Amino acid sequence: MLKTTFIALSLVCTSATAIAAENRAHEALSDGVGKMMYINQHCGITIEKDKVMEVARLYLYANGFDLDIDVDWDKVKNGGQETLAGLNKEHGKGELCEDYLKQFESVLPLIQKHDAMKLDIE
């Protein structure tokens, strides 16, 4: 009986830990996505959504999150929109562009939309 109780308690703790990690991941991604939305809206750089999702997975891995986390992109998007609304309320004229471009300089080449290259091979 005690063994069964211990196993059940262990499963509950493991589940709670996984949920907490998932919530932290969603919060971190929502904050980053909100800042990228700000860059897209105010800083003259077009961000590609699909690429952001790929880089977000790398971000989670690089910051020690388990890759098995099930990212709810709608939740991340909604959180990002809330972050953007707050940023726009306080800094709606692009005042944060320089800071955010610096913060994301290492990933901007990966997520920024680029025009197709023209190859002149004749």
PDB file of N, CA and C in Angstrom:
ATOM      1  N   MET A   1       0.825  -1.191   0.000  1.00  0.00           N
ATOM      2  CA  MET A   1       0.000   0.000   0.000  1.00  0.00           C
ATOM      3  C   MET A   1       0.875   1.264   0.000  1.00  0.00           C
ATOM      4  N   LEU A   2       1.886   1.269   0.856  1.00  0.00           N
ATOM      5  CA  LEU A   2       2.775   2.417   0.946  1.00  0.00           C
ATOM      6  C   LEU A   2       3.543   2.610  -0.368  1.00  0.00           C
ATOM      7  N   LYS A   3       3.930   1.504  -0.976  1.00  0.00           N
ATOM      8  CA  LYS A   3       4.661   1.564  -2.240  1.00  0.00           C
ATOM      9  C   LYS A   3       3.778   2.171  -3.327  1.00  0.00           C
ATOM     10  N   THR A   4       2.528   1.785  -3.394  1.00  0.00           N
ATOM     11  CA  THR A   4       1.590   2.303  -4.384  1.00  0.00           C
ATOM     12  C   THR A   4       1.360   3.799  -4.165  1.00  0.00           C
ATOM     13  N   THR A   5       1.231   4.206  -2.918  1.00  0.00           N
ATOM     14  CA  THR A   5       1.046   5.616  -2.604  1.00  0.00           C
ATOM     15  C   THR A   5       2.265   6.424  -3.026  1.00  0.00           C
ATOM     16  N   PHE A   6       3.446   5.883  -2.769  1.00  0.00           N
ATOM     17  CA  PHE A   6       4.687   6.552  -3.143  1.00  0.00           C
ATOM     18  C   PHE A   6       4.775   6.711  -4.659  1.00  0.00           C
ATOM     19  N   ILE A   7       4.432   5.671  -5.392  1.00  0.00           N
ATOM     20  CA  ILE A   7       4.472   5.723  -6.863  1.00  0.00           C
ATOM     21  C   ILE A   7       3.480   6.760  -7.379  1.00  0.00           C
ATOM     22  N   ALA A   8       2.277   6.778  -6.825  1.00  0.00           N
ATOM     23  CA  ALA A   8       1.258   7.745  -7.253  1.00  0.00           C
ATOM     24  C   ALA A   8       1.718   9.168  -6.954  1.00  0.00           C
ATOM     25  N   LEU A   9       2.283   9.377  -5.771  1.00  0.00           N
ATOM     26  CA  LEU A   9       2.781  10.697  -5.398  1.00  0.00           C
ATOM     27  C   LEU A   9       3.932  11.120  -6.309  1.00  0.00           C
ATOM     28  N   SER A  10       4.784  10.189  -6.646  1.00  0.00           N
ATOM     29  CA  SER A  10       5.904  10.454  -7.541  1.00  0.00           C
ATOM     30  C   SER A  10       5.400  10.882  -8.917  1.00  0.00           C
ATOM     31  N   LEU A  11       4.368  10.212  -9.422  1.00  0.00           N
ATOM     32  CA  LEU A  11       3.796  10.563 -10.725  1.00  0.00           C
ATOM     33  C   LEU A  11       3.170  11.949 -10.695  1.00  0.00           C
ATOM     34  N   VAL A  12       2.500  12.288  -9.621  1.00  0.00           N
ATOM     35  CA  VAL A  12       1.888  13.607  -9.497  1.00  0.00           C
ATOM     36  C   VAL A  12       2.970  14.686  -9.476  1.00  0.00           C
ATOM     37  N   CYS A  13       4.034  14.458  -8.725  1.00  0.00           N
ATOM     38  CA  CYS A  13       5.136  15.434  -8.660  1.00  0.00           C
ATOM     39  C   CYS A  13       5.811  15.592 -10.010  1.00  0.00           C
ATOM     40  N   THR A  14       6.039  14.488 -10.690  1.00  0.00           N
ATOM     41  CA  THR A  14       6.657  14.537 -12.011  1.00  0.00           C
ATOM     42  C   THR A  14       5.776  15.309 -12.980  1.00  0.00           C
ATOM     43  N   SER A  15       4.481  15.060 -12.931  1.00  0.00           N
ATOM     44  CA  SER A  15       3.541  15.749 -13.801  1.00  0.00           C
ATOM     45  C   SER A  15       3.514  17.247 -13.493  1.00  0.00           C
ATOM     46  N   ALA A  16       3.507  17.594 -12.217  1.00  0.00           N
ATOM     47  CA  ALA A  16       3.491  19.006 -11.828  1.00  0.00           C
ATOM     48  C   ALA A  16       4.775  19.703 -12.282  1.00  0.00           C
ATOM     49  N   THR A  17       5.900  19.023 -12.185  1.00  0.00           N
ATOM     50  CA  THR A  17       7.177  19.590 -12.623  1.00  0.00           C
ATOM     51  C   THR A  17       7.166  19.810 -14.133  1.00  0.00           C
ATOM     52  N   ALA A  18       6.632  18.853 -14.870  1.00  0.00           N
ATOM     53  CA  ALA A  18       6.557  18.979 -16.327  1.00  0.00           C
ATOM     54  C   ALA A  18       5.649  20.145 -16.728  1.00  0.00           C
ATOM     55  N   ILE A  19       4.543  20.304 -16.035  1.00  0.00           N
ATOM     56  CA  ILE A  19       3.621  21.402 -16.331  1.00  0.00           C
ATOM     57  C   ILE A  19       4.280  22.746 -16.030  1.00  0.00           C
ATOM     58  N   ALA A  20       5.006  22.814 -14.911  1.00  0.00           N
ATOM     59  CA  ALA A  20       5.697  24.056 -14.556  1.00  0.00           C
ATOM     60  C   ALA A  20       6.750  24.407 -15.608  1.00  0.00           C
ATOM     61  N   ALA A  21       7.494  23.415 -16.081  1.00  0.00           N
ATOM     62  CA  ALA A  21       8.507  23.646 -17.113  1.00  0.00           C
ATOM     63  C   ALA A  21       7.848  24.111 -18.408  1.00  0.00           C
ATOM     64  N   GLU A  22       6.728  23.507 -18.743  1.00  0.00           N
ATOM     65  CA  GLU A  22       6.001  23.892 -19.953  1.00  0.00           C
ATOM     66  C   GLU A  22       5.513  25.335 -19.837  1.00  0.00           C
ATOM     67  N   ASN A  23       5.015  25.714 -18.670  1.00  0.00           N
ATOM     68  CA  ASN A  23       4.555  27.098 -18.462  1.00  0.00           C
ATOM     69  C   ASN A  23       5.707  28.088 -18.574  1.00  0.00           C
ATOM     70  N   ARG A  24       6.869  27.747 -17.999  1.00  0.00           N
ATOM     71  CA  ARG A  24       8.040  28.619 -18.108  1.00  0.00           C
ATOM     72  C   ARG A  24       8.470  28.765 -19.567  1.00  0.00           C
ATOM     73  N   ALA A  25       8.420  27.670 -20.303  1.00  0.00           N
ATOM     74  CA  ALA A  25       8.789  27.712 -21.724  1.00  0.00           C
ATOM     75  C   ALA A  25       7.837  28.608 -22.502  1.00  0.00           C
ATOM     76  N   HIS A  26       6.539  28.474 -22.238  1.00  0.00           N
ATOM     77  CA  HIS A  26       5.554  29.307 -22.932  1.00  0.00           C
ATOM     78  C   HIS A  26       5.747  30.787 -22.590  1.00  0.00           C
ATOM     79  N   GLU A  27       6.049  31.083 -21.337  1.00  0.00           N
ATOM     80  CA  GLU A  27       6.274  32.480 -20.936  1.00  0.00           C
ATOM     81  C   GLU A  27       7.503  33.058 -21.639  1.00  0.00           C
ATOM     82  N   ALA A  28       8.577  32.285 -21.675  1.00  0.00           N
ATOM     83  CA  ALA A  28       9.804  32.754 -22.322  1.00  0.00           C
ATOM     84  C   ALA A  28       9.583  32.968 -23.818  1.00  0.00           C
ATOM     85  N   LEU A  29       8.907  32.025 -24.448  1.00  0.00           N
ATOM     86  CA  LEU A  29       8.653  32.145 -25.884  1.00  0.00           C
ATOM     87  C   LEU A  29       7.701  33.305 -26.175  1.00  0.00           C
ATOM     88  N   SER A  30       6.679  33.482 -25.348  1.00  0.00           N
ATOM     89  CA  SER A  30       5.727  34.581 -25.549  1.00  0.00           C
ATOM     90  C   SER A  30       6.426  35.929 -25.461  1.00  0.00           C
ATOM     91  N   ASP A  31       7.330  36.068 -24.501  1.00  0.00           N
ATOM     92  CA  ASP A  31       8.077  37.313 -24.353  1.00  0.00           C
ATOM     93  C   ASP A  31       8.924  37.578 -25.603  1.00  0.00           C
ATOM     94  N   GLY A  32       9.638  36.561 -26.055  1.00  0.00           N
ATOM     95  CA  GLY A  32      10.469  36.707 -27.249  1.00  0.00           C
ATOM     96  C   GLY A  32       9.661  36.987 -28.499  1.00  0.00           C
ATOM     97  N   VAL A  33       8.549  36.290 -28.645  1.00  0.00           N
ATOM     98  CA  VAL A  33       7.694  36.494 -29.813  1.00  0.00           C
ATOM     99  C   VAL A  33       7.100  37.902 -29.797  1.00  0.00           C
ATOM    100  N   GLY A  34       6.721  38.382 -28.630  1.00  0.00           N
ATOM    101  CA  GLY A  34       6.202  39.748 -28.522  1.00  0.00           C
ATOM    102  C   GLY A  34       7.236  40.771 -28.959  1.00  0.00           C
ATOM    103  N   LYS A  35       8.483  40.549 -28.557  1.00  0.00           N
ATOM    104  CA  LYS A  35       9.561  41.456 -28.950  1.00  0.00           C
ATOM    105  C   LYS A  35       9.811  41.375 -30.452  1.00  0.00           C
ATOM    106  N   MET A  36       9.715  40.169 -31.013  1.00  0.00           N
ATOM    107  CA  MET A  36       9.899  40.025 -32.464  1.00  0.00           C
ATOM    108  C   MET A  36       8.748  40.686 -33.225  1.00  0.00           C
ATOM    109  N   MET A  37       7.536  40.611 -32.666  1.00  0.00           N
ATOM    110  CA  MET A  37       6.402  41.309 -33.275  1.00  0.00           C
ATOM    111  C   MET A  37       6.658  42.816 -33.266  1.00  0.00           C
ATOM    112  N   TYR A  38       7.247  43.302 -32.183  1.00  0.00           N
ATOM    113  CA  TYR A  38       7.588  44.721 -32.072  1.00  0.00           C
ATOM    114  C   TYR A  38       8.599  45.089 -33.157  1.00  0.00           C
ATOM    115  N   ILE A  39       9.630  44.272 -33.324  1.00  0.00           N
ATOM    116  CA  ILE A  39      10.634  44.506 -34.370  1.00  0.00           C
ATOM    117  C   ILE A  39       9.960  44.534 -35.735  1.00  0.00           C
ATOM    118  N   ASN A  40       9.079  43.571 -35.970  1.00  0.00           N
ATOM    119  CA  ASN A  40       8.373  43.474 -37.242  1.00  0.00           C
ATOM    120  C   ASN A  40       7.523  44.724 -37.490  1.00  0.00           C
ATOM    121  N   GLN A  41       6.895  45.216 -36.447  1.00  0.00           N
ATOM    122  CA  GLN A  41       5.964  46.332 -36.570  1.00  0.00           C
ATOM    123  C   GLN A  41       6.654  47.696 -36.619  1.00  0.00           C
ATOM    124  N   HIS A  42       7.748  47.859 -35.875  1.00  0.00           N
ATOM    125  CA  HIS A  42       8.325  49.192 -35.708  1.00  0.00           C
ATOM    126  C   HIS A  42       9.722  49.389 -36.286  1.00  0.00           C
ATOM    127  N   CYS A  43      10.431  48.329 -36.573  1.00  0.00           N
ATOM    128  CA  CYS A  43      11.858  48.478 -36.883  1.00  0.00           C
ATOM    129  C   CYS A  43      12.211  48.238 -38.346  1.00  0.00           C
ATOM    130  N   GLY A  44      11.227  48.074 -39.200  1.00  0.00           N
ATOM    131  CA  GLY A  44      11.494  47.927 -40.627  1.00  0.00           C
ATOM    132  C   GLY A  44      12.089  46.592 -41.031  1.00  0.00           C
ATOM    133  N   ILE A  45      11.909  45.585 -40.204  1.00  0.00           N
ATOM    134  CA  ILE A  45      12.416  44.248 -40.518  1.00  0.00           C
ATOM    135  C   ILE A  45      11.240  43.279 -40.520  1.00  0.00           C
ATOM    136  N   THR A  46      11.122  42.532 -41.599  1.00  0.00           N
ATOM    137  CA  THR A  46      10.044  41.552 -41.704  1.00  0.00           C
ATOM    138  C   THR A  46      10.524  40.216 -41.158  1.00  0.00           C
ATOM    139  N   ILE A  47       9.781  39.701 -40.188  1.00  0.00           N
ATOM    140  CA  ILE A  47      10.116  38.446 -39.528  1.00  0.00           C
ATOM    141  C   ILE A  47       9.243  37.339 -40.112  1.00  0.00           C
ATOM    142  N   GLU A  48       9.850  36.195 -40.429  1.00  0.00           N
ATOM    143  CA  GLU A  48       9.102  35.060 -40.950  1.00  0.00           C
ATOM    144  C   GLU A  48       8.647  34.151 -39.807  1.00  0.00           C
ATOM    145  N   LYS A  49       7.337  33.984 -39.701  1.00  0.00           N
ATOM    146  CA  LYS A  49       6.734  33.221 -38.611  1.00  0.00           C
ATOM    147  C   LYS A  49       7.276  31.800 -38.523  1.00  0.00           C
ATOM    148  N   ASP A  50       7.354  31.102 -39.637  1.00  0.00           N
ATOM    149  CA  ASP A  50       7.808  29.705 -39.619  1.00  0.00           C
ATOM    150  C   ASP A  50       9.238  29.584 -39.110  1.00  0.00           C
ATOM    151  N   LYS A  51      10.055  30.543 -39.463  1.00  0.00           N
ATOM    152  CA  LYS A  51      11.443  30.513 -39.007  1.00  0.00           C
ATOM    153  C   LYS A  51      11.541  30.798 -37.514  1.00  0.00           C
ATOM    154  N   VAL A  52      10.658  31.655 -37.017  1.00  0.00           N
ATOM    155  CA  VAL A  52      10.637  31.945 -35.579  1.00  0.00           C
ATOM    156  C   VAL A  52      10.340  30.668 -34.809  1.00  0.00           C
ATOM    157  N   MET A  53       9.421  29.876 -35.311  1.00  0.00           N
ATOM    158  CA  MET A  53       9.062  28.629 -34.634  1.00  0.00           C
ATOM    159  C   MET A  53      10.250  27.668 -34.588  1.00  0.00           C
ATOM    160  N   GLU A  54      11.018  27.615 -35.650  1.00  0.00           N
ATOM    161  CA  GLU A  54      12.207  26.754 -35.670  1.00  0.00           C
ATOM    162  C   GLU A  54      13.267  27.250 -34.686  1.00  0.00           C
ATOM    163  N   VAL A  55      13.519  28.544 -34.703  1.00  0.00           N
ATOM    164  CA  VAL A  55      14.521  29.127 -33.805  1.00  0.00           C
ATOM    165  C   VAL A  55      14.069  29.008 -32.354  1.00  0.00           C
ATOM    166  N   ALA A  56      12.770  29.077 -32.119  1.00  0.00           N
ATOM    167  CA  ALA A  56      12.240  28.940 -30.758  1.00  0.00           C
ATOM    168  C   ALA A  56      12.592  27.573 -30.173  1.00  0.00           C
ATOM    169  N   ARG A  57      12.522  26.543 -30.978  1.00  0.00           N
ATOM    170  CA  ARG A  57      12.905  25.202 -30.518  1.00  0.00           C
ATOM    171  C   ARG A  57      14.382  25.172 -30.112  1.00  0.00           C
ATOM    172  N   LEU A  58      15.226  25.819 -30.910  1.00  0.00           N
ATOM    173  CA  LEU A  58      16.653  25.900 -30.580  1.00  0.00           C
ATOM    174  C   LEU A  58      16.866  26.695 -29.288  1.00  0.00           C
ATOM    175  N   TYR A  59      16.085  27.747 -29.123  1.00  0.00           N
ATOM    176  CA  TYR A  59      16.167  28.556 -27.906  1.00  0.00           C
ATOM    177  C   TYR A  59      15.842  27.702 -26.674  1.00  0.00           C
ATOM    178  N   LEU A  60      14.791  26.919 -26.769  1.00  0.00           N
ATOM    179  CA  LEU A  60      14.411  26.060 -25.640  1.00  0.00           C
ATOM    180  C   LEU A  60      15.539  25.095 -25.309  1.00  0.00           C
ATOM    181  N   TYR A  61      16.088  24.465 -26.335  1.00  0.00           N
ATOM    182  CA  TYR A  61      17.174  23.506 -26.132  1.00  0.00           C
ATOM    183  C   TYR A  61      18.391  24.184 -25.495  1.00  0.00           C
ATOM    184  N   ALA A  62      18.758  25.351 -26.037  1.00  0.00           N
ATOM    185  CA  ALA A  62      19.931  26.055 -25.546  1.00  0.00           C
ATOM    186  C   ALA A  62      19.770  26.533 -24.104  1.00  0.00           C
ATOM    187  N   ASN A  63      18.534  26.686 -23.669  1.00  0.00           N
ATOM    188  CA  ASN A  63      18.271  27.161 -22.314  1.00  0.00           C
ATOM    189  C   ASN A  63      17.841  26.046 -21.369  1.00  0.00           C
ATOM    190  N   GLY A  64      18.135  24.802 -21.758  1.00  0.00           N
ATOM    191  CA  GLY A  64      17.956  23.674 -20.853  1.00  0.00           C
ATOM    192  C   GLY A  64      16.563  23.101 -20.756  1.00  0.00           C
ATOM    193  N   PHE A  65      15.659  23.517 -21.633  1.00  0.00           N
ATOM    194  CA  PHE A  65      14.314  22.943 -21.612  1.00  0.00           C
ATOM    195  C   PHE A  65      14.323  21.594 -22.307  1.00  0.00           C
ATOM    196  N   ASP A  66      13.459  20.724 -21.864  1.00  0.00           N
ATOM    197  CA  ASP A  66      13.305  19.405 -22.463  1.00  0.00           C
ATOM    198  C   ASP A  66      12.676  19.569 -23.845  1.00  0.00           C
ATOM    199  N   LEU A  67      13.232  18.920 -24.834  1.00  0.00           N
ATOM    200  CA  LEU A  67      12.710  19.043 -26.199  1.00  0.00           C
ATOM    201  C   LEU A  67      11.357  18.368 -26.372  1.00  0.00           C
ATOM    202  N   ASP A  68      10.936  17.608 -25.371  1.00  0.00           N
ATOM    203  CA  ASP A  68       9.632  16.955 -25.441  1.00  0.00           C
ATOM    204  C   ASP A  68       8.493  17.887 -25.049  1.00  0.00           C
ATOM    205  N   ILE A  69       8.806  19.112 -24.678  1.00  0.00           N
ATOM    206  CA  ILE A  69       7.760  20.063 -24.299  1.00  0.00           C
ATOM    207  C   ILE A  69       6.846  20.286 -25.499  1.00  0.00           C
ATOM    208  N   ASP A  70       5.571  20.161 -25.240  1.00  0.00           N
ATOM    209  CA  ASP A  70       4.574  20.365 -26.285  1.00  0.00           C
ATOM    210  C   ASP A  70       4.232  21.850 -26.331  1.00  0.00           C
ATOM    211  N   VAL A  71       4.789  22.561 -27.292  1.00  0.00           N
ATOM    212  CA  VAL A  71       4.579  24.004 -27.389  1.00  0.00           C
ATOM    213  C   VAL A  71       3.218  24.257 -28.031  1.00  0.00           C
ATOM    214  N   ASP A  72       2.391  25.000 -27.312  1.00  0.00           N
ATOM    215  CA  ASP A  72       1.086  25.420 -27.825  1.00  0.00           C
ATOM    216  C   ASP A  72       1.304  26.783 -28.496  1.00  0.00           C
ATOM    217  N   TRP A  73       1.444  26.766 -29.818  1.00  0.00           N
ATOM    218  CA  TRP A  73       1.801  27.988 -30.542  1.00  0.00           C
ATOM    219  C   TRP A  73       0.714  29.039 -30.456  1.00  0.00           C
ATOM    220  N   ASP A  74      -0.541  28.628 -30.317  1.00  0.00           N
ATOM    221  CA  ASP A  74      -1.613  29.617 -30.136  1.00  0.00           C
ATOM    222  C   ASP A  74      -1.432  30.345 -28.804  1.00  0.00           C
ATOM    223  N   LYS A  75      -1.058  29.600 -27.773  1.00  0.00           N
ATOM    224  CA  LYS A  75      -0.813  30.199 -26.462  1.00  0.00           C
ATOM    225  C   LYS A  75       0.386  31.147 -26.535  1.00  0.00           C
ATOM    226  N   VAL A  76       1.433  30.739 -27.235  1.00  0.00           N
ATOM    227  CA  VAL A  76       2.619  31.586 -27.398  1.00  0.00           C
ATOM    228  C   VAL A  76       2.250  32.847 -28.180  1.00  0.00           C
ATOM    229  N   LYS A  77       1.489  32.685 -29.251  1.00  0.00           N
ATOM    230  CA  LYS A  77       1.078  33.823 -30.071  1.00  0.00           C
ATOM    231  C   LYS A  77       0.236  34.802 -29.250  1.00  0.00           C
ATOM    232  N   ASN A  78      -0.712  34.279 -28.488  1.00  0.00           N
ATOM    233  CA  ASN A  78      -1.556  35.144 -27.661  1.00  0.00           C
ATOM    234  C   ASN A  78      -0.723  35.876 -26.607  1.00  0.00           C
ATOM    235  N   GLY A  79       0.201  35.158 -25.983  1.00  0.00           N
ATOM    236  CA  GLY A  79       1.093  35.794 -25.014  1.00  0.00           C
ATOM    237  C   GLY A  79       1.972  36.841 -25.674  1.00  0.00           C
ATOM    238  N   GLY A  80       2.434  36.548 -26.889  1.00  0.00           N
ATOM    239  CA  GLY A  80       3.233  37.509 -27.641  1.00  0.00           C
ATOM    240  C   GLY A  80       2.451  38.760 -27.977  1.00  0.00           C
ATOM    241  N   GLN A  81       1.183  38.582 -28.314  1.00  0.00           N
ATOM    242  CA  GLN A  81       0.337  39.737 -28.615  1.00  0.00           C
ATOM    243  C   GLN A  81       0.106  40.588 -27.366  1.00  0.00           C
ATOM    244  N   GLU A  82      -0.011  39.934 -26.205  1.00  0.00           N
ATOM    245  CA  GLU A  82      -0.135  40.679 -24.950  1.00  0.00           C
ATOM    246  C   GLU A  82       1.142  41.456 -24.665  1.00  0.00           C
ATOM    247  N   THR A  83       2.292  40.811 -24.881  1.00  0.00           N
ATOM    248  CA  THR A  83       3.578  41.487 -24.684  1.00  0.00           C
ATOM    249  C   THR A  83       3.684  42.678 -25.624  1.00  0.00           C
ATOM    250  N   LEU A  84       3.323  42.476 -26.898  1.00  0.00           N
ATOM    251  CA  LEU A  84       3.376  43.555 -27.880  1.00  0.00           C
ATOM    252  C   LEU A  84       2.466  44.707 -27.478  1.00  0.00           C
ATOM    253  N   ALA A  85       1.274  44.404 -26.996  1.00  0.00           N
ATOM    254  CA  ALA A  85       0.343  45.457 -26.581  1.00  0.00           C
ATOM    255  C   ALA A  85       0.959  46.297 -25.463  1.00  0.00           C
ATOM    256  N   GLY A  86       1.590  45.639 -24.508  1.00  0.00           N
ATOM    257  CA  GLY A  86       2.253  46.364 -23.425  1.00  0.00           C
ATOM    258  C   GLY A  86       3.409  47.211 -23.934  1.00  0.00           C
ATOM    259  N   LEU A  87       4.193  46.646 -24.848  1.00  0.00           N
ATOM    260  CA  LEU A  87       5.316  47.389 -25.420  1.00  0.00           C
ATOM    261  C   LEU A  87       4.824  48.603 -26.216  1.00  0.00           C
ATOM    262  N   ASN A  88       3.769  48.405 -26.987  1.00  0.00           N
ATOM    263  CA  ASN A  88       3.223  49.505 -27.779  1.00  0.00           C
ATOM    264  C   ASN A  88       2.670  50.610 -26.894  1.00  0.00           C
ATOM    265  N   LYS A  89       2.098  50.222 -25.771  1.00  0.00           N
ATOM    266  CA  LYS A  89       1.533  51.210 -24.847  1.00  0.00           C
ATOM    267  C   LYS A  89       2.639  52.096 -24.269  1.00  0.00           C
ATOM    268  N   GLU A  90       3.755  51.489 -23.937  1.00  0.00           N
ATOM    269  CA  GLU A  90       4.859  52.224 -23.320  1.00  0.00           C
ATOM    270  C   GLU A  90       5.846  52.815 -24.337  1.00  0.00           C
ATOM    271  N   HIS A  91       6.036  52.113 -25.462  1.00  0.00           N
ATOM    272  CA  HIS A  91       7.082  52.507 -26.427  1.00  0.00           C
ATOM    273  C   HIS A  91       6.583  52.314 -27.864  1.00  0.00           C
ATOM    274  N   GLY A  92       5.443  52.879 -28.178  1.00  0.00           N
ATOM    275  CA  GLY A  92       4.776  52.646 -29.455  1.00  0.00           C
ATOM    276  C   GLY A  92       5.354  53.350 -30.656  1.00  0.00           C
ATOM    277  N   LYS A  93       6.457  54.063 -30.478  1.00  0.00           N
ATOM    278  CA  LYS A  93       7.034  54.791 -31.610  1.00  0.00           C
ATOM    279  C   LYS A  93       8.374  54.214 -32.042  1.00  0.00           C
ATOM    280  N   GLY A  94       8.642  52.974 -31.639  1.00  0.00           N
ATOM    281  CA  GLY A  94       9.869  52.315 -32.069  1.00  0.00           C
ATOM    282  C   GLY A  94      11.086  52.623 -31.215  1.00  0.00           C
ATOM    283  N   GLU A  95      10.871  53.157 -30.013  1.00  0.00           N
ATOM    284  CA  GLU A  95      12.001  53.521 -29.157  1.00  0.00           C
ATOM    285  C   GLU A  95      12.867  52.327 -28.761  1.00  0.00           C
ATOM    286  N   LEU A  96      12.309  51.147 -28.816  1.00  0.00           N
ATOM    287  CA  LEU A  96      13.052  49.959 -28.390  1.00  0.00           C
ATOM    288  C   LEU A  96      13.752  49.231 -29.533  1.00  0.00           C
ATOM    289  N   CYS A  97      13.642  49.752 -30.736  1.00  0.00           N
ATOM    290  CA  CYS A  97      14.235  49.070 -31.895  1.00  0.00           C
ATOM    291  C   CYS A  97      15.723  48.793 -31.709  1.00  0.00           C
ATOM    292  N   GLU A  98      16.466  49.799 -31.323  1.00  0.00           N
ATOM    293  CA  GLU A  98      17.915  49.619 -31.182  1.00  0.00           C
ATOM    294  C   GLU A  98      18.234  48.520 -30.162  1.00  0.00           C
ATOM    295  N   ASP A  99      17.545  48.552 -29.031  1.00  0.00           N
ATOM    296  CA  ASP A  99      17.780  47.540 -27.987  1.00  0.00           C
ATOM    297  C   ASP A  99      17.423  46.135 -28.477  1.00  0.00           C
ATOM    298  N   TYR A 100      16.263  46.006 -29.110  1.00  0.00           N
ATOM    299  CA  TYR A 100      15.818  44.678 -29.538  1.00  0.00           C
ATOM    300  C   TYR A 100      16.622  44.154 -30.723  1.00  0.00           C
ATOM    301  N   LEU A 101      17.007  45.040 -31.619  1.00  0.00           N
ATOM    302  CA  LEU A 101      17.852  44.601 -32.735  1.00  0.00           C
ATOM    303  C   LEU A 101      19.187  44.100 -32.205  1.00  0.00           C
ATOM    304  N   LYS A 102      19.705  44.734 -31.185  1.00  0.00           N
ATOM    305  CA  LYS A 102      20.942  44.280 -30.550  1.00  0.00           C
ATOM    306  C   LYS A 102      20.711  42.946 -29.834  1.00  0.00           C
ATOM    307  N   GLN A 103      19.596  42.849 -29.101  1.00  0.00           N
ATOM    308  CA  GLN A 103      19.288  41.623 -28.357  1.00  0.00           C
ATOM    309  C   GLN A 103      19.136  40.410 -29.270  1.00  0.00           C
ATOM    310  N   PHE A 104      18.556  40.628 -30.442  1.00  0.00           N
ATOM    311  CA  PHE A 104      18.281  39.515 -31.343  1.00  0.00           C
ATOM    312  C   PHE A 104      19.235  39.459 -32.541  1.00  0.00           C
ATOM    313  N   GLU A 105      20.355  40.171 -32.475  1.00  0.00           N
ATOM    314  CA  GLU A 105      21.246  40.250 -33.635  1.00  0.00           C
ATOM    315  C   GLU A 105      21.759  38.890 -34.093  1.00  0.00           C
ATOM    316  N   SER A 106      21.911  37.949 -33.175  1.00  0.00           N
ATOM    317  CA  SER A 106      22.438  36.640 -33.574  1.00  0.00           C
ATOM    318  C   SER A 106      21.398  35.784 -34.300  1.00  0.00           C
ATOM    319  N   VAL A 107      20.117  36.039 -34.052  1.00  0.00           N
ATOM    320  CA  VAL A 107      19.094  35.220 -34.710  1.00  0.00           C
ATOM    321  C   VAL A 107      18.366  35.950 -35.834  1.00  0.00           C
ATOM    322  N   LEU A 108      18.512  37.268 -35.911  1.00  0.00           N
ATOM    323  CA  LEU A 108      17.818  38.003 -36.972  1.00  0.00           C
ATOM    324  C   LEU A 108      18.122  37.471 -38.373  1.00  0.00           C
ATOM    325  N   PRO A 109      19.368  37.145 -38.696  1.00  0.00           N
ATOM    326  CA  PRO A 109      19.608  36.606 -40.040  1.00  0.00           C
ATOM    327  C   PRO A 109      18.843  35.300 -40.308  1.00  0.00           C
ATOM    328  N   LEU A 110      18.525  34.572 -39.256  1.00  0.00           N
ATOM    329  CA  LEU A 110      17.804  33.304 -39.419  1.00  0.00           C
ATOM    330  C   LEU A 110      16.303  33.490 -39.582  1.00  0.00           C
ATOM    331  N   ILE A 111      15.742  34.553 -38.995  1.00  0.00           N
ATOM    332  CA  ILE A 111      14.287  34.718 -38.992  1.00  0.00           C
ATOM    333  C   ILE A 111      13.800  35.852 -39.884  1.00  0.00           C
ATOM    334  N   GLN A 112      14.725  36.650 -40.374  1.00  0.00           N
ATOM    335  CA  GLN A 112      14.373  37.786 -41.210  1.00  0.00           C
ATOM    336  C   GLN A 112      14.035  37.324 -42.616  1.00  0.00           C
ATOM    337  N   LYS A 113      12.993  37.916 -43.171  1.00  0.00           N
ATOM    338  CA  LYS A 113      12.616  37.587 -44.548  1.00  0.00           C
ATOM    339  C   LYS A 113      13.597  38.285 -45.494  1.00  0.00           C
ATOM    340  N   HIS A 114      14.128  37.500 -46.409  1.00  0.00           N
ATOM    341  CA  HIS A 114      15.077  38.020 -47.390  1.00  0.00           C
ATOM    342  C   HIS A 114      14.470  37.907 -48.779  1.00  0.00           C
ATOM    343  N   ASP A 115      14.813  38.865 -49.622  1.00  0.00           N
ATOM    344  CA  ASP A 115      14.381  38.778 -51.014  1.00  0.00           C
ATOM    345  C   ASP A 115      15.150  37.652 -51.692  1.00  0.00           C
ATOM    346  N   ALA A 116      14.544  37.097 -52.720  1.00  0.00           N
ATOM    347  CA  ALA A 116      15.209  36.035 -53.464  1.00  0.00           C
ATOM    348  C   ALA A 116      16.493  36.571 -54.090  1.00  0.00           C
ATOM    349  N   MET A 117      17.505  35.747 -54.061  1.00  0.00           N
ATOM    350  CA  MET A 117      18.782  36.153 -54.665  1.00  0.00           C
ATOM    351  C   MET A 117      18.699  36.049 -56.176  1.00  0.00           C
ATOM    352  N   LYS A 118      19.273  37.012 -56.825  1.00  0.00           N
ATOM    353  CA  LYS A 118      19.343  36.965 -58.279  1.00  0.00           C
ATOM    354  C   LYS A 118      20.756  36.546 -58.661  1.00  0.00           C
ATOM    355  N   LEU A 119      20.828  35.478 -59.377  1.00  0.00           N
ATOM    356  CA  LEU A 119      22.135  34.990 -59.821  1.00  0.00           C
ATOM    357  C   LEU A 119      22.300  35.355 -61.297  1.00  0.00           C
ATOM    358  N   ASP A 120      23.330  36.071 -61.571  1.00  0.00           N
ATOM    359  CA  ASP A 120      23.609  36.489 -62.939  1.00  0.00           C
ATOM    360  C   ASP A 120      24.765  35.637 -63.447  1.00  0.00           C
ATOM    361  N   ILE A 121      24.410  34.447 -63.930  1.00  0.00           N
ATOM    362  CA  ILE A 121      25.428  33.516 -64.400  1.00  0.00           C
ATOM    363  C   ILE A 121      25.289  33.371 -65.921  1.00  0.00           C
ATOM    364  N   GLU A 122      25.989  34.200 -66.602  1.00  0.00           N
ATOM    365  CA  GLU A 122      25.958  34.128 -68.070  1.00  0.00           C
ATOM    366  C   GLU A 122      27.336  34.289 -68.626  1.00  0.00           C
TER     367      GLU A 122
END
